[in-house]
C-alpha atoms as a PDB file:
ATOM      1  CA  UNK A   1     -36.718  42.313  87.850  1.00  0.00           C
ATOM      2  CA  UNK A   2     -39.468  44.946  88.042  1.00  0.00           C
ATOM      3  CA  UNK A   3     -42.895  44.358  89.705  1.00  0.00           C
ATOM      4  CA  UNK A   4     -44.753  43.503  86.577  1.00  0.00           C
ATOM      5  CA  UNK A   5     -42.134  40.677  85.803  1.00  0.00           C
ATOM      6  CA  UNK A   6     -42.485  39.462  89.219  1.00  0.00           C
ATOM      7  CA  UNK A   7     -46.256  39.393  89.027  1.00  0.00           C
ATOM      8  CA  UNK A   8     -46.226  37.568  85.764  1.00  0.00           C
ATOM      9  CA  UNK A   9     -43.759  34.952  87.174  1.00  0.00           C
ATOM     10  CA  UNK A  10     -45.951  34.441  90.219  1.00  0.00           C
ATOM     11  CA  UNK A  11     -49.003  34.006  88.035  1.00  0.00           C
ATOM     12  CA  UNK A  12     -47.228  31.544  85.817  1.00  0.00           C
ATOM     13  CA  UNK A  13     -46.148  29.578  88.918  1.00  0.00           C
ATOM     14  CA  UNK A  14     -49.633  29.436  90.150  1.00  0.00           C
ATOM     15  CA  UNK A  15     -50.972  28.273  86.709  1.00  0.00           C
ATOM     16  CA  UNK A  16     -48.410  25.609  86.477  1.00  0.00           C
ATOM     17  CA  UNK A  17     -48.666  24.336  89.995  1.00  0.00           C
ATOM     18  CA  UNK A  18     -52.413  24.077  89.778  1.00  0.00           C
ATOM     19  CA  UNK A  19     -52.318  21.773  86.781  1.00  0.00           C
ATOM     20  CA  UNK A  20     -51.007  18.304  87.544  1.00  0.00           C
ATOM     21  CA  UNK A  21     -50.218  17.593  83.830  1.00  0.00           C
ATOM     22  CA  UNK A  22     -48.379  20.907  83.499  1.00  0.00           C
ATOM     23  CA  UNK A  23     -46.394  20.051  86.606  1.00  0.00           C
ATOM     24  CA  UNK A  24     -45.481  16.611  85.352  1.00  0.00           C
ATOM     25  CA  UNK A  25     -44.435  18.060  82.043  1.00  0.00           C
ATOM     26  CA  UNK A  26     -42.361  20.695  83.648  1.00  0.00           C
ATOM     27  CA  UNK A  27     -40.654  18.078  85.836  1.00  0.00           C
ATOM     28  CA  UNK A  28     -39.936  15.827  82.935  1.00  0.00           C
ATOM     29  CA  UNK A  29     -38.422  18.702  80.930  1.00  0.00           C
ATOM     30  CA  UNK A  30     -36.406  19.694  84.025  1.00  0.00           C
ATOM     31  CA  UNK A  31     -35.130  16.061  84.396  1.00  0.00           C
ATOM     32  CA  UNK A  32     -34.283  15.869  80.686  1.00  0.00           C
ATOM     33  CA  UNK A  33     -32.300  19.143  80.979  1.00  0.00           C
ATOM     34  CA  UNK A  34     -30.404  17.996  84.082  1.00  0.00           C
ATOM     35  CA  UNK A  35     -29.611  14.638  82.497  1.00  0.00           C
ATOM     36  CA  UNK A  36     -28.207  16.349  79.329  1.00  0.00           C
ATOM     37  CA  UNK A  37     -26.120  18.649  81.517  1.00  0.00           C
ATOM     38  CA  UNK A  38     -24.701  15.617  83.357  1.00  0.00           C
ATOM     39  CA  UNK A  39     -24.031  13.741  80.212  1.00  0.00           C
ATOM     40  CA  UNK A  40     -22.116  16.793  78.849  1.00  0.00           C
ATOM     41  CA  UNK A  41     -20.081  17.146  82.128  1.00  0.00           C
ATOM     42  CA  UNK A  42     -19.160  13.440  81.962  1.00  0.00           C
ATOM     43  CA  UNK A  43     -18.127  13.655  78.388  1.00  0.00           C
ATOM     44  CA  UNK A  44     -15.980  16.817  79.131  1.00  0.00           C
ATOM     45  CA  UNK A  45     -14.330  14.942  82.083  1.00  0.00           C
ATOM     46  CA  UNK A  46     -13.552  11.934  80.005  1.00  0.00           C
ATOM     47  CA  UNK A  47     -12.177  13.994  77.233  1.00  0.00           C
ATOM     48  CA  UNK A  48      -9.972  15.839  79.757  1.00  0.00           C
ATOM     49  CA  UNK A  49      -8.733  12.436  81.066  1.00  0.00           C
ATOM     50  CA  UNK A  50      -7.907  11.146  77.582  1.00  0.00           C
ATOM     51  CA  UNK A  51      -6.124  14.370  76.844  1.00  0.00           C
ATOM     52  CA  UNK A  52      -3.941  14.079  79.996  1.00  0.00           C
ATOM     53  CA  UNK A  53      -3.278  10.431  79.198  1.00  0.00           C
ATOM     54  CA  UNK A  54      -2.212  11.311  75.623  1.00  0.00           C
ATOM     55  CA  UNK A  55       0.048  14.173  77.048  1.00  0.00           C
ATOM     56  CA  UNK A  56       1.734  11.794  79.404  1.00  0.00           C
ATOM     57  CA  UNK A  57       2.390   9.169  76.718  1.00  0.00           C
ATOM     58  CA  UNK A  58       3.943  11.942  74.382  1.00  0.00           C
ATOM     59  CA  UNK A  59       6.194  13.143  77.195  1.00  0.00           C
ATOM     60  CA  UNK A  60       7.387   9.529  77.886  1.00  0.00           C
ATOM     61  CA  UNK A  61       8.164   9.080  74.331  1.00  0.00           C
ATOM     62  CA  UNK A  62      10.000  12.384  74.110  1.00  0.00           C
ATOM     63  CA  UNK A  63      12.107  11.297  77.011  1.00  0.00           C
ATOM     64  CA  UNK A  64      12.607   7.882  75.456  1.00  0.00           C
ATOM     65  CA  UNK A  65      13.815   9.584  72.182  1.00  0.00           C
ATOM     66  CA  UNK A  66      16.198  11.759  74.088  1.00  0.00           C
ATOM     67  CA  UNK A  67      17.670   8.674  75.882  1.00  0.00           C
ATOM     68  CA  UNK A  68      18.034   6.906  72.543  1.00  0.00           C
ATOM     69  CA  UNK A  69      19.912   9.863  71.079  1.00  0.00           C
ATOM     70  CA  UNK A  70      22.291   9.903  74.044  1.00  0.00           C
ATOM     71  CA  UNK A  71      22.940   6.261  73.522  1.00  0.00           C
ATOM     72  CA  UNK A  72      21.288   4.909  76.722  1.00  0.00           C
ATOM     73  CA  UNK A  73      20.929   1.094  76.839  1.00  0.00           C
ATOM     74  CA  UNK A  74      17.461  -0.155  75.682  1.00  0.00           C
ATOM     75  CA  UNK A  75      16.978  -1.963  79.167  1.00  0.00           C
ATOM     76  CA  UNK A  76      17.572   1.202  81.060  1.00  0.00           C
ATOM     77  CA  UNK A  77      15.020   3.054  78.867  1.00  0.00           C
ATOM     78  CA  UNK A  78      12.510   0.303  79.455  1.00  0.00           C
ATOM     79  CA  UNK A  79      13.153   0.584  83.251  1.00  0.00           C
ATOM     80  CA  UNK A  80      12.518   4.227  83.357  1.00  0.00           C
ATOM     81  CA  UNK A  81       9.915   4.900  80.732  1.00  0.00           C
ATOM     82  CA  UNK A  82       7.979   1.527  81.178  1.00  0.00           C
ATOM     83  CA  UNK A  83       7.898   1.296  77.398  1.00  0.00           C
ATOM     84  CA  UNK A  84       8.118  -2.066  75.695  1.00  0.00           C
ATOM     85  CA  UNK A  85      11.136  -3.155  73.813  1.00  0.00           C
ATOM     86  CA  UNK A  86       9.073  -2.844  70.633  1.00  0.00           C
ATOM     87  CA  UNK A  87       7.935   0.621  71.399  1.00  0.00           C
ATOM     88  CA  UNK A  88      11.562   1.690  71.879  1.00  0.00           C
ATOM     89  CA  UNK A  89      12.602  -0.026  68.687  1.00  0.00           C
ATOM     90  CA  UNK A  90       9.893   1.811  66.717  1.00  0.00           C
ATOM     91  CA  UNK A  91      11.155   5.130  68.254  1.00  0.00           C
ATOM     92  CA  UNK A  92      14.710   4.206  67.148  1.00  0.00           C
ATOM     93  CA  UNK A  93      13.358   3.873  63.595  1.00  0.00           C
ATOM     94  CA  UNK A  94      11.927   7.399  63.894  1.00  0.00           C
ATOM     95  CA  UNK A  95      15.392   8.792  64.855  1.00  0.00           C
ATOM     96  CA  UNK A  96      17.168   6.998  61.924  1.00  0.00           C
ATOM     97  CA  UNK A  97      14.983   8.822  59.375  1.00  0.00           C
END
């Protein structure tokens, strides 16, 4: 930043800080921006969590499919994957096609 830019910024700061309405409008805009950033960060975090959950589910299904292909008993598959009997039966149908 050169001296001219610094002087202009200082003058703008003085102007804004001397007018109560300007200060309130500035603070309101600032809060709206911060709220929006927070909302976006929360949405990103939720998206990441859902993606991780989906990946884990797909991994469990893949393991169950391999166990089915190897002829592992359905109760054993249920024990290690925590999938329901119905889910495992659906996976068996996939293999048959």
